[in-house]
N, C-alpha and C. Protein backbone atom coordinates (compact mmCIF):
# COMPACT_ATOMS: atom_id res chain seq x y z
N MET A 1 78.94 93.61 144.30
CA MET A 1 78.18 93.10 143.17
C MET A 1 76.76 92.76 143.61
N LYS A 2 75.79 93.13 142.80
CA LYS A 2 74.41 92.78 143.06
C LYS A 2 73.94 91.75 142.03
N ILE A 3 73.00 90.92 142.44
CA ILE A 3 72.49 89.90 141.54
C ILE A 3 71.45 90.50 140.61
N LYS A 4 71.76 90.49 139.34
CA LYS A 4 70.82 90.95 138.32
C LYS A 4 70.36 89.83 137.41
N GLU A 5 71.22 88.81 137.27
CA GLU A 5 70.90 87.70 136.38
C GLU A 5 71.12 86.36 137.08
N SER A 6 70.11 85.53 137.05
CA SER A 6 70.22 84.15 137.52
C SER A 6 69.35 83.31 136.61
N ASN A 7 69.89 82.19 136.16
CA ASN A 7 69.19 81.41 135.14
C ASN A 7 69.34 79.92 135.37
N TYR A 8 68.30 79.19 134.95
CA TYR A 8 68.40 77.73 134.91
C TYR A 8 69.45 77.36 133.88
N LEU A 9 70.35 76.47 134.25
CA LEU A 9 71.44 76.09 133.36
C LEU A 9 71.28 74.69 132.78
N ALA A 10 71.03 73.70 133.65
CA ALA A 10 70.95 72.32 133.17
C ALA A 10 70.40 71.41 134.25
N SER A 11 69.88 70.26 133.81
CA SER A 11 69.51 69.17 134.71
C SER A 11 70.33 67.96 134.32
N ALA A 12 70.79 67.22 135.30
CA ALA A 12 71.67 66.10 135.01
C ALA A 12 71.37 64.93 135.92
N VAL A 13 71.63 63.76 135.42
CA VAL A 13 71.57 62.54 136.21
C VAL A 13 72.98 61.98 136.38
N TRP A 14 73.70 61.87 135.26
CA TRP A 14 75.04 61.29 135.28
C TRP A 14 76.10 62.35 135.04
N GLU A 15 77.31 62.03 135.39
CA GLU A 15 78.42 62.99 135.36
C GLU A 15 78.62 63.62 133.98
N GLU A 16 78.47 62.84 132.94
CA GLU A 16 78.69 63.36 131.59
C GLU A 16 77.65 64.41 131.19
N GLN A 17 76.58 64.51 131.97
CA GLN A 17 75.54 65.49 131.69
C GLN A 17 75.73 66.80 132.46
N TYR A 18 76.70 66.84 133.38
CA TYR A 18 76.94 68.05 134.14
C TYR A 18 77.39 69.18 133.20
N PRO A 19 77.05 70.42 133.51
CA PRO A 19 77.64 71.54 132.76
C PRO A 19 79.13 71.62 133.05
N GLU A 20 79.87 72.27 132.18
CA GLU A 20 81.31 72.38 132.33
C GLU A 20 81.66 72.97 133.69
N ALA A 21 82.67 72.41 134.33
CA ALA A 21 83.08 72.82 135.67
C ALA A 21 83.97 74.05 135.57
N THR A 22 83.36 75.22 135.51
CA THR A 22 84.11 76.46 135.31
C THR A 22 84.02 77.44 136.46
N VAL A 23 83.00 77.30 137.31
CA VAL A 23 82.80 78.24 138.42
C VAL A 23 82.45 77.46 139.68
N PRO A 24 82.64 78.06 140.87
CA PRO A 24 82.29 77.35 142.11
C PRO A 24 80.80 77.08 142.22
N GLU A 25 80.48 75.98 142.91
CA GLU A 25 79.08 75.57 143.08
C GLU A 25 78.76 75.36 144.56
N ILE A 26 77.58 75.78 144.95
CA ILE A 26 77.05 75.52 146.29
C ILE A 26 75.81 74.67 146.13
N ALA A 27 75.81 73.48 146.72
CA ALA A 27 74.71 72.54 146.55
C ALA A 27 73.80 72.54 147.78
N PHE A 28 72.54 72.24 147.53
CA PHE A 28 71.53 72.15 148.59
C PHE A 28 70.99 70.73 148.63
N ALA A 29 71.07 70.09 149.79
CA ALA A 29 70.56 68.74 149.98
C ALA A 29 69.46 68.76 151.04
N GLY A 30 68.53 67.81 150.94
CA GLY A 30 67.48 67.75 151.94
C GLY A 30 66.34 66.85 151.51
N ARG A 31 65.41 66.64 152.42
CA ARG A 31 64.26 65.81 152.14
C ARG A 31 63.40 66.42 151.04
N SER A 32 62.57 65.60 150.45
CA SER A 32 61.77 66.01 149.30
C SER A 32 60.86 67.19 149.59
N ASN A 33 60.37 67.31 150.82
CA ASN A 33 59.40 68.37 151.14
C ASN A 33 59.99 69.47 152.01
N VAL A 34 61.30 69.61 152.03
CA VAL A 34 61.93 70.57 152.93
C VAL A 34 61.94 71.99 152.38
N GLY A 35 61.72 72.13 151.07
CA GLY A 35 61.62 73.47 150.49
C GLY A 35 62.88 73.99 149.85
N LYS A 36 63.69 73.10 149.25
CA LYS A 36 64.94 73.54 148.63
C LYS A 36 64.71 74.55 147.51
N SER A 37 63.78 74.24 146.62
CA SER A 37 63.50 75.13 145.49
C SER A 37 63.02 76.49 145.96
N SER A 38 62.17 76.51 146.98
CA SER A 38 61.65 77.78 147.51
C SER A 38 62.77 78.63 148.10
N ILE A 39 63.70 77.99 148.77
CA ILE A 39 64.82 78.72 149.36
C ILE A 39 65.71 79.29 148.27
N ILE A 40 65.99 78.51 147.24
CA ILE A 40 66.81 79.00 146.13
C ILE A 40 66.14 80.20 145.47
N ASN A 41 64.85 80.10 145.22
CA ASN A 41 64.12 81.22 144.62
C ASN A 41 64.19 82.46 145.50
N MET A 42 64.00 82.29 146.78
CA MET A 42 64.03 83.42 147.70
C MET A 42 65.41 84.08 147.72
N LEU A 43 66.46 83.27 147.79
CA LEU A 43 67.81 83.82 147.85
C LEU A 43 68.18 84.60 146.59
N LEU A 44 67.59 84.22 145.46
CA LEU A 44 67.92 84.87 144.19
C LEU A 44 66.88 85.90 143.77
N ASN A 45 65.91 86.17 144.64
CA ASN A 45 64.84 87.13 144.30
C ASN A 45 64.06 86.71 143.06
N ARG A 46 63.84 85.44 142.94
CA ARG A 46 63.06 84.93 141.82
C ARG A 46 61.88 84.13 142.36
N LYS A 47 60.80 84.08 141.58
CA LYS A 47 59.62 83.35 142.02
C LYS A 47 59.56 81.94 141.44
N ASN A 48 59.98 81.78 140.21
CA ASN A 48 59.80 80.49 139.54
C ASN A 48 61.06 79.98 138.86
N LEU A 49 62.22 80.43 139.31
CA LEU A 49 63.45 79.93 138.70
C LEU A 49 63.64 78.45 139.00
N ALA A 50 63.70 78.13 140.28
CA ALA A 50 63.74 76.73 140.69
C ALA A 50 62.30 76.26 140.83
N ARG A 51 61.93 75.26 140.08
CA ARG A 51 60.53 74.83 140.05
C ARG A 51 60.17 74.05 141.30
N THR A 52 59.13 74.52 141.98
CA THR A 52 58.62 73.81 143.15
C THR A 52 57.55 72.83 142.70
N SER A 53 57.35 71.80 143.49
CA SER A 53 56.38 70.77 143.13
C SER A 53 55.53 70.41 144.33
N GLY A 54 54.25 70.19 144.10
CA GLY A 54 53.36 69.74 145.15
C GLY A 54 53.44 68.24 145.38
N THR A 55 54.24 67.58 144.57
CA THR A 55 54.41 66.13 144.69
C THR A 55 55.80 65.81 145.20
N PRO A 56 55.96 65.51 146.50
CA PRO A 56 57.28 65.18 147.04
C PRO A 56 57.89 64.00 146.30
N GLY A 57 59.19 64.10 146.06
CA GLY A 57 59.88 63.02 145.37
C GLY A 57 59.91 63.18 143.86
N LYS A 58 59.30 64.26 143.35
CA LYS A 58 59.23 64.42 141.91
C LYS A 58 60.57 64.83 141.30
N THR A 59 61.35 65.65 142.03
CA THR A 59 62.64 66.09 141.53
C THR A 59 63.62 64.93 141.55
N GLN A 60 64.01 64.47 140.36
CA GLN A 60 64.85 63.28 140.26
C GLN A 60 66.19 63.58 139.60
N THR A 61 66.48 64.85 139.39
CA THR A 61 67.73 65.23 138.73
C THR A 61 68.50 66.23 139.58
N ILE A 62 69.76 66.42 139.24
CA ILE A 62 70.55 67.50 139.81
C ILE A 62 70.32 68.72 138.93
N ASN A 63 69.83 69.79 139.52
CA ASN A 63 69.49 70.98 138.76
C ASN A 63 70.49 72.10 139.05
N PHE A 64 71.06 72.66 137.99
CA PHE A 64 72.09 73.68 138.10
C PHE A 64 71.51 75.05 137.74
N TYR A 65 71.80 76.06 138.57
CA TYR A 65 71.34 77.43 138.33
C TYR A 65 72.53 78.37 138.34
N ASP A 66 72.70 79.09 137.24
CA ASP A 66 73.81 80.02 137.11
C ASP A 66 73.46 81.36 137.75
N VAL A 67 74.43 81.93 138.47
CA VAL A 67 74.24 83.23 139.10
C VAL A 67 75.33 84.18 138.61
N GLU A 68 74.94 85.11 137.75
CA GLU A 68 75.83 86.16 137.25
C GLU A 68 77.10 85.62 136.57
N ASP A 69 77.05 84.39 136.09
CA ASP A 69 78.23 83.75 135.49
C ASP A 69 79.40 83.68 136.47
N GLN A 70 79.09 83.80 137.77
CA GLN A 70 80.12 83.81 138.79
C GLN A 70 80.15 82.52 139.60
N PHE A 71 78.98 81.96 139.86
CA PHE A 71 78.90 80.70 140.60
C PHE A 71 77.54 80.08 140.32
N ARG A 72 77.30 78.91 140.91
CA ARG A 72 76.03 78.20 140.68
C ARG A 72 75.45 77.70 141.99
N PHE A 73 74.13 77.74 142.06
CA PHE A 73 73.40 76.99 143.05
C PHE A 73 73.03 75.66 142.42
N VAL A 74 73.10 74.58 143.19
CA VAL A 74 72.80 73.25 142.68
C VAL A 74 71.78 72.58 143.60
N ASP A 75 70.64 72.21 143.04
CA ASP A 75 69.55 71.57 143.78
C ASP A 75 69.66 70.07 143.59
N LEU A 76 70.01 69.37 144.67
CA LEU A 76 70.17 67.91 144.60
C LEU A 76 68.82 67.21 144.74
N PRO A 77 68.68 65.99 144.21
CA PRO A 77 67.41 65.26 144.34
C PRO A 77 67.00 65.11 145.80
N GLY A 78 65.72 65.33 146.08
CA GLY A 78 65.21 65.16 147.43
C GLY A 78 65.19 63.69 147.82
N TYR A 79 65.29 63.43 149.11
CA TYR A 79 65.29 62.05 149.59
C TYR A 79 64.25 61.89 150.69
N GLY A 80 64.03 60.65 151.07
CA GLY A 80 63.21 60.37 152.24
C GLY A 80 61.71 60.28 152.00
N PHE A 81 61.26 60.32 150.73
CA PHE A 81 59.82 60.25 150.49
C PHE A 81 59.37 58.80 150.47
N ALA A 82 58.41 58.46 151.33
CA ALA A 82 58.04 57.06 151.58
C ALA A 82 57.51 56.34 150.34
N LYS A 83 56.83 57.06 149.44
CA LYS A 83 56.19 56.40 148.30
C LYS A 83 57.16 56.06 147.17
N VAL A 84 58.40 56.50 147.30
CA VAL A 84 59.39 56.19 146.28
C VAL A 84 59.95 54.79 146.54
N SER A 85 60.10 54.00 145.50
CA SER A 85 60.58 52.63 145.64
C SER A 85 62.02 52.58 146.13
N LYS A 86 62.40 51.45 146.73
CA LYS A 86 63.77 51.28 147.22
C LYS A 86 64.77 51.37 146.07
N THR A 87 64.37 50.87 144.92
CA THR A 87 65.25 50.93 143.75
C THR A 87 65.51 52.37 143.35
N LYS A 88 64.45 53.18 143.33
CA LYS A 88 64.59 54.58 142.97
C LYS A 88 65.43 55.32 144.02
N LYS A 89 65.19 55.02 145.30
CA LYS A 89 65.98 55.67 146.35
C LYS A 89 67.46 55.35 146.19
N LYS A 90 67.77 54.10 145.87
CA LYS A 90 69.17 53.70 145.67
C LYS A 90 69.76 54.44 144.48
N SER A 91 68.96 54.60 143.44
CA SER A 91 69.42 55.33 142.25
C SER A 91 69.73 56.77 142.58
N TRP A 92 68.84 57.42 143.35
CA TRP A 92 69.08 58.82 143.72
C TRP A 92 70.33 58.94 144.59
N GLY A 93 70.53 57.97 145.47
CA GLY A 93 71.73 57.98 146.31
C GLY A 93 73.00 57.94 145.48
N LYS A 94 72.99 57.13 144.43
CA LYS A 94 74.15 57.03 143.55
C LYS A 94 74.36 58.34 142.79
N ILE A 95 73.27 58.96 142.36
CA ILE A 95 73.36 60.25 141.66
C ILE A 95 74.03 61.29 142.55
N ILE A 96 73.58 61.37 143.80
CA ILE A 96 74.14 62.35 144.74
C ILE A 96 75.59 62.01 145.07
N GLU A 97 75.87 60.72 145.29
CA GLU A 97 77.22 60.30 145.65
C GLU A 97 78.23 60.68 144.56
N THR A 98 77.86 60.44 143.32
CA THR A 98 78.76 60.77 142.21
C THR A 98 79.07 62.26 142.18
N TYR A 99 78.03 63.07 142.35
CA TYR A 99 78.24 64.51 142.32
C TYR A 99 79.12 64.97 143.49
N LEU A 100 78.84 64.50 144.70
CA LEU A 100 79.60 64.93 145.86
C LEU A 100 81.07 64.55 145.77
N ASN A 101 81.35 63.38 145.23
CA ASN A 101 82.71 62.86 145.23
C ASN A 101 83.52 63.25 144.00
N ARG A 102 82.85 63.63 142.92
CA ARG A 102 83.59 63.79 141.67
C ARG A 102 83.49 65.20 141.06
N ARG A 103 82.79 66.11 141.70
CA ARG A 103 82.64 67.45 141.13
C ARG A 103 83.74 68.37 141.66
N PRO A 104 84.72 68.72 140.84
CA PRO A 104 85.87 69.49 141.34
C PRO A 104 85.53 70.91 141.76
N THR A 105 84.46 71.48 141.23
CA THR A 105 84.11 72.87 141.55
C THR A 105 83.08 72.98 142.67
N LEU A 106 82.72 71.87 143.29
CA LEU A 106 81.75 71.90 144.39
C LEU A 106 82.43 72.50 145.62
N MET A 107 81.98 73.66 146.04
CA MET A 107 82.61 74.39 147.13
C MET A 107 82.02 74.04 148.49
N GLU A 108 80.70 73.82 148.53
CA GLU A 108 80.04 73.52 149.80
C GLU A 108 78.69 72.86 149.55
N VAL A 109 78.27 72.04 150.52
CA VAL A 109 76.95 71.41 150.50
C VAL A 109 76.19 71.87 151.73
N ILE A 110 75.02 72.46 151.51
CA ILE A 110 74.17 72.93 152.60
C ILE A 110 73.08 71.89 152.85
N LEU A 111 72.95 71.43 154.09
CA LEU A 111 71.88 70.50 154.43
C LEU A 111 70.67 71.28 154.93
N LEU A 112 69.55 71.11 154.27
CA LEU A 112 68.30 71.74 154.69
C LEU A 112 67.46 70.75 155.48
N VAL A 113 66.98 71.18 156.64
CA VAL A 113 66.08 70.38 157.47
C VAL A 113 64.88 71.25 157.83
N ASP A 114 63.79 70.62 158.20
CA ASP A 114 62.58 71.33 158.63
C ASP A 114 62.74 71.69 160.10
N VAL A 115 62.71 72.98 160.42
CA VAL A 115 62.96 73.42 161.80
C VAL A 115 61.93 72.89 162.78
N ARG A 116 60.77 72.47 162.29
CA ARG A 116 59.69 72.04 163.18
C ARG A 116 59.86 70.61 163.68
N HIS A 117 60.77 69.86 163.07
CA HIS A 117 60.85 68.43 163.39
C HIS A 117 62.28 68.00 163.70
N LYS A 118 62.39 66.89 164.41
CA LYS A 118 63.69 66.27 164.60
C LYS A 118 64.21 65.78 163.25
N PRO A 119 65.51 65.84 163.03
CA PRO A 119 66.06 65.28 161.79
C PRO A 119 65.73 63.80 161.66
N SER A 120 65.41 63.39 160.44
CA SER A 120 65.11 61.99 160.17
C SER A 120 66.41 61.18 160.07
N LYS A 121 66.26 59.88 159.98
CA LYS A 121 67.45 59.04 159.78
C LYS A 121 68.17 59.43 158.50
N GLU A 122 67.38 59.73 157.44
CA GLU A 122 68.00 60.13 156.17
C GLU A 122 68.76 61.44 156.33
N ASP A 123 68.19 62.38 157.12
CA ASP A 123 68.89 63.64 157.38
C ASP A 123 70.23 63.39 158.08
N LYS A 124 70.19 62.52 159.08
CA LYS A 124 71.40 62.21 159.83
C LYS A 124 72.45 61.56 158.93
N ASP A 125 72.00 60.62 158.10
CA ASP A 125 72.92 59.95 157.19
C ASP A 125 73.51 60.95 156.20
N MET A 126 72.66 61.86 155.68
CA MET A 126 73.12 62.84 154.71
C MET A 126 74.14 63.77 155.35
N TYR A 127 73.89 64.17 156.58
CA TYR A 127 74.82 65.08 157.25
C TYR A 127 76.18 64.42 157.44
N GLN A 128 76.18 63.17 157.87
CA GLN A 128 77.45 62.47 158.04
C GLN A 128 78.15 62.26 156.70
N TRP A 129 77.38 62.04 155.67
CA TRP A 129 77.91 61.89 154.32
C TRP A 129 78.59 63.18 153.87
N ILE A 130 77.91 64.30 154.08
CA ILE A 130 78.47 65.60 153.73
C ILE A 130 79.79 65.83 154.46
N LYS A 131 79.80 65.54 155.76
CA LYS A 131 81.01 65.73 156.55
C LYS A 131 82.13 64.81 156.08
N ALA A 132 81.77 63.56 155.77
CA ALA A 132 82.77 62.59 155.33
C ALA A 132 83.41 62.99 154.00
N CYS A 133 82.67 63.75 153.21
CA CYS A 133 83.19 64.22 151.91
C CYS A 133 84.07 65.46 152.07
N GLY A 134 84.23 65.93 153.30
CA GLY A 134 85.14 67.02 153.56
C GLY A 134 84.52 68.41 153.62
N PHE A 135 83.18 68.48 153.64
CA PHE A 135 82.52 69.78 153.69
C PHE A 135 82.26 70.20 155.14
N ASN A 136 81.83 71.45 155.32
CA ASN A 136 81.77 72.03 156.67
C ASN A 136 80.61 71.53 157.52
N GLY A 137 79.53 71.08 156.90
CA GLY A 137 78.37 70.66 157.69
C GLY A 137 77.51 71.83 158.09
N ILE A 138 77.24 72.74 157.14
CA ILE A 138 76.35 73.87 157.38
C ILE A 138 74.91 73.38 157.32
N VAL A 139 74.13 73.70 158.34
CA VAL A 139 72.73 73.27 158.40
C VAL A 139 71.82 74.49 158.34
N VAL A 140 70.86 74.45 157.43
CA VAL A 140 69.87 75.51 157.31
C VAL A 140 68.50 74.91 157.61
N ALA A 141 67.83 75.46 158.60
CA ALA A 141 66.52 74.95 159.01
C ALA A 141 65.44 75.82 158.38
N THR A 142 64.62 75.22 157.53
CA THR A 142 63.60 75.95 156.79
C THR A 142 62.31 76.11 157.59
N LYS A 143 61.42 76.96 157.06
CA LYS A 143 60.07 77.16 157.60
C LYS A 143 60.08 77.78 158.99
N ALA A 144 61.06 78.65 159.23
CA ALA A 144 61.20 79.28 160.54
C ALA A 144 60.02 80.19 160.87
N ASP A 145 59.28 80.63 159.85
CA ASP A 145 58.11 81.49 160.09
C ASP A 145 56.97 80.74 160.77
N LYS A 146 57.06 79.42 160.81
CA LYS A 146 56.00 78.61 161.42
C LYS A 146 56.12 78.53 162.94
N LEU A 147 57.26 78.99 163.48
CA LEU A 147 57.50 78.89 164.91
C LEU A 147 57.85 80.24 165.49
N SER A 148 57.70 80.38 166.81
CA SER A 148 58.13 81.59 167.49
C SER A 148 59.65 81.57 167.64
N LYS A 149 60.21 82.70 167.99
CA LYS A 149 61.66 82.81 168.18
C LYS A 149 62.14 81.84 169.24
N GLY A 150 61.37 81.72 170.34
CA GLY A 150 61.74 80.79 171.39
C GLY A 150 61.69 79.34 170.95
N GLN A 151 60.69 79.00 170.15
CA GLN A 151 60.56 77.64 169.64
C GLN A 151 61.69 77.30 168.68
N VAL A 152 62.09 78.28 167.86
CA VAL A 152 63.20 78.06 166.94
C VAL A 152 64.48 77.76 167.72
N ALA A 153 64.73 78.51 168.78
CA ALA A 153 65.92 78.29 169.61
C ALA A 153 65.90 76.89 170.23
N LYS A 154 64.72 76.46 170.68
CA LYS A 154 64.59 75.12 171.26
C LYS A 154 64.85 74.05 170.21
N GLN A 155 64.31 74.25 169.01
CA GLN A 155 64.50 73.27 167.94
C GLN A 155 65.95 73.24 167.45
N GLU A 156 66.61 74.38 167.47
CA GLU A 156 68.03 74.39 167.08
C GLU A 156 68.84 73.47 167.98
N LYS A 157 68.58 73.55 169.27
CA LYS A 157 69.29 72.69 170.23
C LYS A 157 69.04 71.22 169.92
N ILE A 158 67.78 70.87 169.63
CA ILE A 158 67.44 69.48 169.32
C ILE A 158 68.12 69.02 168.04
N ILE A 159 68.06 69.86 167.01
CA ILE A 159 68.64 69.51 165.71
C ILE A 159 70.15 69.33 165.83
N ARG A 160 70.80 70.23 166.54
CA ARG A 160 72.25 70.12 166.74
C ARG A 160 72.60 68.81 167.43
N GLU A 161 71.83 68.45 168.44
CA GLU A 161 72.11 67.22 169.18
C GLU A 161 71.86 65.99 168.31
N GLU A 162 70.75 65.98 167.57
CA GLU A 162 70.40 64.83 166.74
C GLU A 162 71.41 64.61 165.62
N LEU A 163 71.91 65.68 165.05
CA LEU A 163 72.88 65.57 163.95
C LEU A 163 74.31 65.44 164.46
N MET A 164 74.49 65.58 165.77
CA MET A 164 75.82 65.53 166.39
C MET A 164 76.74 66.58 165.76
N MET A 165 76.20 67.80 165.65
CA MET A 165 76.96 68.90 165.07
C MET A 165 78.05 69.38 166.03
N ASP A 166 79.19 69.77 165.50
CA ASP A 166 80.23 70.38 166.32
C ASP A 166 79.71 71.68 166.91
N ALA A 167 80.26 72.08 168.03
CA ALA A 167 79.79 73.27 168.72
C ALA A 167 79.90 74.51 167.85
N ASP A 168 80.92 74.56 166.98
CA ASP A 168 81.13 75.74 166.15
C ASP A 168 80.55 75.58 164.74
N ALA A 169 79.81 74.50 164.49
CA ALA A 169 79.20 74.29 163.17
C ALA A 169 78.09 75.31 162.94
N THR A 170 77.96 75.77 161.71
CA THR A 170 77.00 76.82 161.37
C THR A 170 75.59 76.27 161.27
N PHE A 171 74.67 76.93 161.96
CA PHE A 171 73.24 76.62 161.89
C PHE A 171 72.50 77.94 161.65
N VAL A 172 71.60 77.94 160.66
CA VAL A 172 70.80 79.12 160.37
C VAL A 172 69.35 78.71 160.18
N ALA A 173 68.44 79.34 160.89
CA ALA A 173 67.01 79.15 160.65
C ALA A 173 66.58 80.18 159.61
N ILE A 174 65.75 79.76 158.66
CA ILE A 174 65.42 80.62 157.53
C ILE A 174 63.97 80.40 157.11
N SER A 175 63.43 81.37 156.41
CA SER A 175 62.06 81.24 155.89
C SER A 175 62.00 81.80 154.48
N SER A 176 61.50 81.00 153.55
CA SER A 176 61.32 81.49 152.18
C SER A 176 60.12 82.41 152.09
N THR A 177 59.21 82.32 153.05
CA THR A 177 58.00 83.14 153.05
C THR A 177 58.27 84.54 153.60
N SER A 178 58.87 84.62 154.78
CA SER A 178 59.14 85.91 155.42
C SER A 178 60.52 86.47 155.06
N ARG A 179 61.35 85.65 154.43
CA ARG A 179 62.73 86.01 154.06
C ARG A 179 63.62 86.20 155.29
N PHE A 180 63.20 85.63 156.39
CA PHE A 180 63.97 85.68 157.62
C PHE A 180 65.37 85.08 157.40
N ASN A 181 66.39 85.83 157.78
CA ASN A 181 67.80 85.44 157.69
C ASN A 181 68.30 85.26 156.26
N LYS A 182 67.63 85.87 155.31
CA LYS A 182 68.10 85.80 153.92
C LYS A 182 69.51 86.36 153.79
N TYR A 183 69.76 87.53 154.35
CA TYR A 183 71.06 88.15 154.17
C TYR A 183 72.13 87.52 155.04
N GLU A 184 71.71 86.87 156.13
CA GLU A 184 72.67 86.08 156.90
C GLU A 184 73.21 84.93 156.05
N MET A 185 72.36 84.37 155.21
CA MET A 185 72.81 83.32 154.29
C MET A 185 73.82 83.87 153.28
N TRP A 186 73.55 85.06 152.77
CA TRP A 186 74.50 85.66 151.82
C TRP A 186 75.82 85.99 152.49
N ASP A 187 75.80 86.34 153.77
CA ASP A 187 77.05 86.55 154.50
C ASP A 187 77.86 85.25 154.53
N ILE A 188 77.16 84.14 154.74
CA ILE A 188 77.83 82.83 154.76
C ILE A 188 78.44 82.51 153.40
N PHE A 189 77.67 82.75 152.34
CA PHE A 189 78.19 82.48 150.99
C PHE A 189 79.42 83.34 150.69
N ASN A 190 79.33 84.62 151.03
CA ASN A 190 80.47 85.51 150.79
C ASN A 190 81.71 85.06 151.55
N GLN A 191 81.49 84.57 152.77
CA GLN A 191 82.60 84.06 153.56
C GLN A 191 83.21 82.82 152.91
N LEU A 192 82.36 81.95 152.37
CA LEU A 192 82.85 80.75 151.68
C LEU A 192 83.68 81.13 150.47
N PHE A 193 83.21 82.11 149.69
CA PHE A 193 83.98 82.56 148.53
C PHE A 193 85.35 83.07 148.97
N GLU A 194 85.37 83.86 150.03
CA GLU A 194 86.64 84.43 150.49
C GLU A 194 87.59 83.36 150.98
N ILE A 195 87.08 82.43 151.79
CA ILE A 195 87.92 81.36 152.33
C ILE A 195 88.50 80.51 151.22
N ASN A 196 87.71 80.28 150.17
CA ASN A 196 88.16 79.41 149.08
C ASN A 196 88.90 80.17 147.98
N GLY A 197 89.15 81.45 148.20
CA GLY A 197 89.99 82.20 147.29
C GLY A 197 89.31 82.72 146.04
N PHE A 198 87.97 82.85 146.08
CA PHE A 198 87.26 83.38 144.92
C PHE A 198 86.95 84.86 145.13
N PRO A 199 87.30 85.72 144.17
CA PRO A 199 87.05 87.16 144.32
C PRO A 199 85.60 87.51 144.03
N ILE A 200 84.70 86.93 144.80
CA ILE A 200 83.26 87.11 144.59
C ILE A 200 82.65 87.65 145.88
N HIS A 201 81.87 88.70 145.76
CA HIS A 201 81.17 89.24 146.92
C HIS A 201 79.86 89.86 146.46
N PHE A 202 78.76 89.37 146.98
CA PHE A 202 77.45 89.85 146.56
C PHE A 202 76.82 90.74 147.62
N GLU A 203 76.22 91.82 147.16
CA GLU A 203 75.52 92.75 148.04
C GLU A 203 74.06 92.35 148.11
N ARG A 204 73.27 93.20 148.77
CA ARG A 204 71.83 92.96 148.83
C ARG A 204 71.24 92.97 147.43
N GLN A 205 70.24 92.09 147.22
CA GLN A 205 69.75 91.87 145.88
C GLN A 205 68.80 92.96 145.39
N VAL A 206 68.60 92.97 144.07
CA VAL A 206 67.72 93.94 143.45
C VAL A 206 66.26 93.53 143.65
N LYS A 207 65.35 94.38 143.23
CA LYS A 207 63.93 94.12 143.35
C LYS A 207 63.55 92.79 142.72
N GLU A 208 62.64 92.08 143.36
CA GLU A 208 62.27 90.75 142.93
C GLU A 208 61.71 90.72 141.52
N ARG A 209 62.12 89.69 140.77
CA ARG A 209 61.65 89.47 139.41
C ARG A 209 60.81 88.22 139.35
N LYS A 210 59.93 88.14 138.37
CA LYS A 210 59.10 86.93 138.19
C LYS A 210 59.89 85.90 137.41
């Protein structure tokens, strides 16, 4: 199957606002400036499906994107932006917690980190939270085009150590700009579908759409 249709489905804050739980969902978590929207757009061959913002901390909702009526990508509220009040941060934490713990169709949560930096305290907390909720702890390091291959390898070692990742835990460095490791990500998604018993398998995507 190739991706021909991907669409914005809904934005939600509370559980009653979620779209009907009918297909598997893969969620993306990470800091406000880590590039979640850009990665989603790149993976789906779209430029403006997931809206990017020049203002970190602006995304305050859970955003659902339908892919071929087969599954969904879910963009979770970004965290860790210093200018956001403690009250707002606590609110976002509750929004994420409800989704992680109560969404029956949530298949996996991908933690996005910036490959150029050590994981923050919030990254570490989020990773442990993801693991505690029973997910695999897949880490995707964004902005890989900013470093050389050798530097990426060095940063992978640091990130694995800082997050206390298991030796066999999946780590992928990726770039929304160069599309580095785009299809490696789709291999991971296809494997998740197979392991979880969903008859879904996506091939390389069609020509990019606006």
